[in-house]
Amino acid sequence: MSPTTDCNPKVEIPSGPAESLAAQLSSMLPEVAVVQVRLQGPRTLWPHLGLTAVHASGRTLRVPRAKAVTIARWIIRSFPQAGWAASGGHAFDLRTAELRGLEV
C-alpha cells in the first residue's frame, strides 16, 4: 500500500437525480432541511408557485422570490410523476432526497 492512499479522501457523489438535486439545493440553501412546494398559493385560485423553506428545527426561512420560483420549478420538473395539479403540494427533504405529500 502506498503512503499517499489516505491523502485523498473519496468525495460522496450523489447517485441519482433526486440526490443530485438535494445536494445542489443544500449548497444554495445551507440552513434548509425541507422545501415545501405548492402550485396554488393560499390566496389564489390559479396556479401560482409557492415555496416554503423549513429549517431542521421547524422554523421557516425567507427565500428571495426569484430563487424560490426557480427552485420550485426545478423540483416540479424533477418529479413530474408526483401529480402536482391534483395535490396540495409536496415536501422535498434535502437531507434524504425524498419527496412526500403535504398534509392538508
Protein backbone atom coordinates (compact mmCIF):
# COMPACT_ATOMS: atom_id res chain seq x y z
CA MET A 1 0.00 0.00 0.00
CA SER A 2 1.37 3.40 -0.94
CA PRO A 3 1.83 6.14 1.68
CA THR A 4 -0.44 8.51 -0.30
CA THR A 5 -3.51 6.28 -0.21
CA ASP A 6 -5.10 8.11 2.71
CA CYS A 7 -4.24 11.61 1.44
CA ASN A 8 -7.16 11.89 -0.96
CA PRO A 9 -10.43 11.04 0.78
CA LYS A 10 -13.24 9.95 -1.51
CA VAL A 11 -15.93 12.54 -2.04
CA GLU A 12 -19.50 11.31 -1.73
CA ILE A 13 -21.01 11.66 -5.21
CA PRO A 14 -24.81 11.71 -5.43
CA SER A 15 -26.07 8.59 -7.18
CA GLY A 16 -29.39 9.63 -8.71
CA PRO A 17 -31.17 12.74 -9.96
CA ALA A 18 -33.01 13.30 -6.65
CA GLU A 19 -29.76 13.08 -4.71
CA SER A 20 -28.06 15.46 -7.15
CA LEU A 21 -30.91 17.96 -6.80
CA ALA A 22 -30.80 17.68 -3.00
CA ALA A 23 -27.04 18.28 -2.98
CA GLN A 24 -27.37 21.31 -5.25
CA LEU A 25 -30.22 22.80 -3.21
CA SER A 26 -28.35 22.17 0.04
CA SER A 27 -25.48 24.28 -1.24
CA MET A 28 -27.89 27.04 -2.35
CA LEU A 29 -29.91 26.93 0.88
CA PRO A 30 -27.40 25.88 3.57
CA GLU A 31 -29.71 26.12 6.60
CA VAL A 32 -32.75 24.49 4.97
CA ALA A 33 -33.79 20.91 5.75
CA VAL A 34 -37.10 20.68 3.85
CA VAL A 35 -38.50 22.62 0.91
CA GLN A 36 -42.29 22.68 0.53
CA VAL A 37 -43.65 23.36 -2.96
CA ARG A 38 -47.24 24.18 -3.90
CA LEU A 39 -48.78 25.05 -7.24
CA GLN A 40 -51.60 27.06 -5.70
CA GLY A 41 -50.96 29.93 -3.36
CA PRO A 42 -53.13 30.30 -0.27
CA ARG A 43 -54.98 33.31 -1.70
CA THR A 44 -55.14 32.48 -5.42
CA LEU A 45 -57.42 30.28 -7.48
CA TRP A 46 -54.98 29.98 -10.39
CA PRO A 47 -51.61 28.21 -10.46
CA HIS A 48 -49.07 30.24 -8.57
CA LEU A 49 -45.81 28.62 -7.45
CA GLY A 50 -45.25 28.76 -3.74
CA LEU A 51 -42.14 27.64 -1.87
CA THR A 52 -41.57 27.44 1.87
CA ALA A 53 -38.10 26.67 3.20
CA VAL A 54 -38.09 24.97 6.60
CA HIS A 55 -35.13 24.71 9.00
CA ALA A 56 -34.48 21.42 10.83
CA SER A 57 -35.97 22.97 13.98
CA GLY A 58 -39.22 23.69 12.14
CA ARG A 59 -38.98 27.44 11.65
CA THR A 60 -39.47 28.88 8.18
CA LEU A 61 -36.67 30.74 6.45
CA ARG A 62 -37.06 33.54 3.93
CA VAL A 63 -36.03 32.79 0.35
CA PRO A 64 -35.97 35.63 -2.22
CA ARG A 65 -38.85 35.37 -4.73
CA ALA A 66 -36.70 34.75 -7.83
CA LYS A 67 -34.73 31.98 -6.12
CA ALA A 68 -37.93 30.44 -4.69
CA VAL A 69 -39.63 30.28 -8.09
CA THR A 70 -36.51 28.80 -9.71
CA ILE A 71 -36.15 26.11 -7.04
CA ALA A 72 -39.87 25.28 -7.16
CA ARG A 73 -39.64 24.80 -10.94
CA TRP A 74 -36.57 22.56 -10.57
CA ILE A 75 -38.37 20.35 -8.06
CA ILE A 76 -41.57 20.14 -10.12
CA ARG A 77 -39.61 19.26 -13.27
CA SER A 78 -37.52 16.69 -11.40
CA PHE A 79 -40.63 14.86 -10.18
CA PRO A 80 -43.23 15.10 -12.99
CA GLN A 81 -44.94 11.89 -11.85
CA ALA A 82 -45.85 13.40 -8.45
CA GLY A 83 -49.29 14.65 -9.53
CA TRP A 84 -48.69 18.31 -8.76
CA ALA A 85 -52.00 19.63 -10.08
CA ALA A 86 -54.12 17.22 -8.02
CA SER A 87 -52.22 17.58 -4.75
CA GLY A 88 -51.95 20.25 -2.10
CA GLY A 89 -48.19 20.30 -2.60
CA HIS A 90 -45.14 18.25 -1.76
CA ALA A 91 -42.20 18.47 0.61
CA PHE A 92 -38.70 17.68 -0.65
CA ASP A 93 -36.35 16.66 2.16
CA LEU A 94 -32.84 17.86 1.31
CA ARG A 95 -31.26 15.50 3.86
CA THR A 96 -32.76 12.30 2.41
CA ALA A 97 -33.68 13.42 -1.14
CA GLU A 98 -37.24 12.13 -0.64
CA LEU A 99 -40.41 13.74 -1.93
CA ARG A 100 -43.57 13.32 0.12
CA GLY A 101 -47.03 14.83 0.05
CA LEU A 102 -48.01 17.68 2.33
CA GLU A 103 -50.78 17.10 4.82
CA VAL A 104 -53.62 19.50 4.09
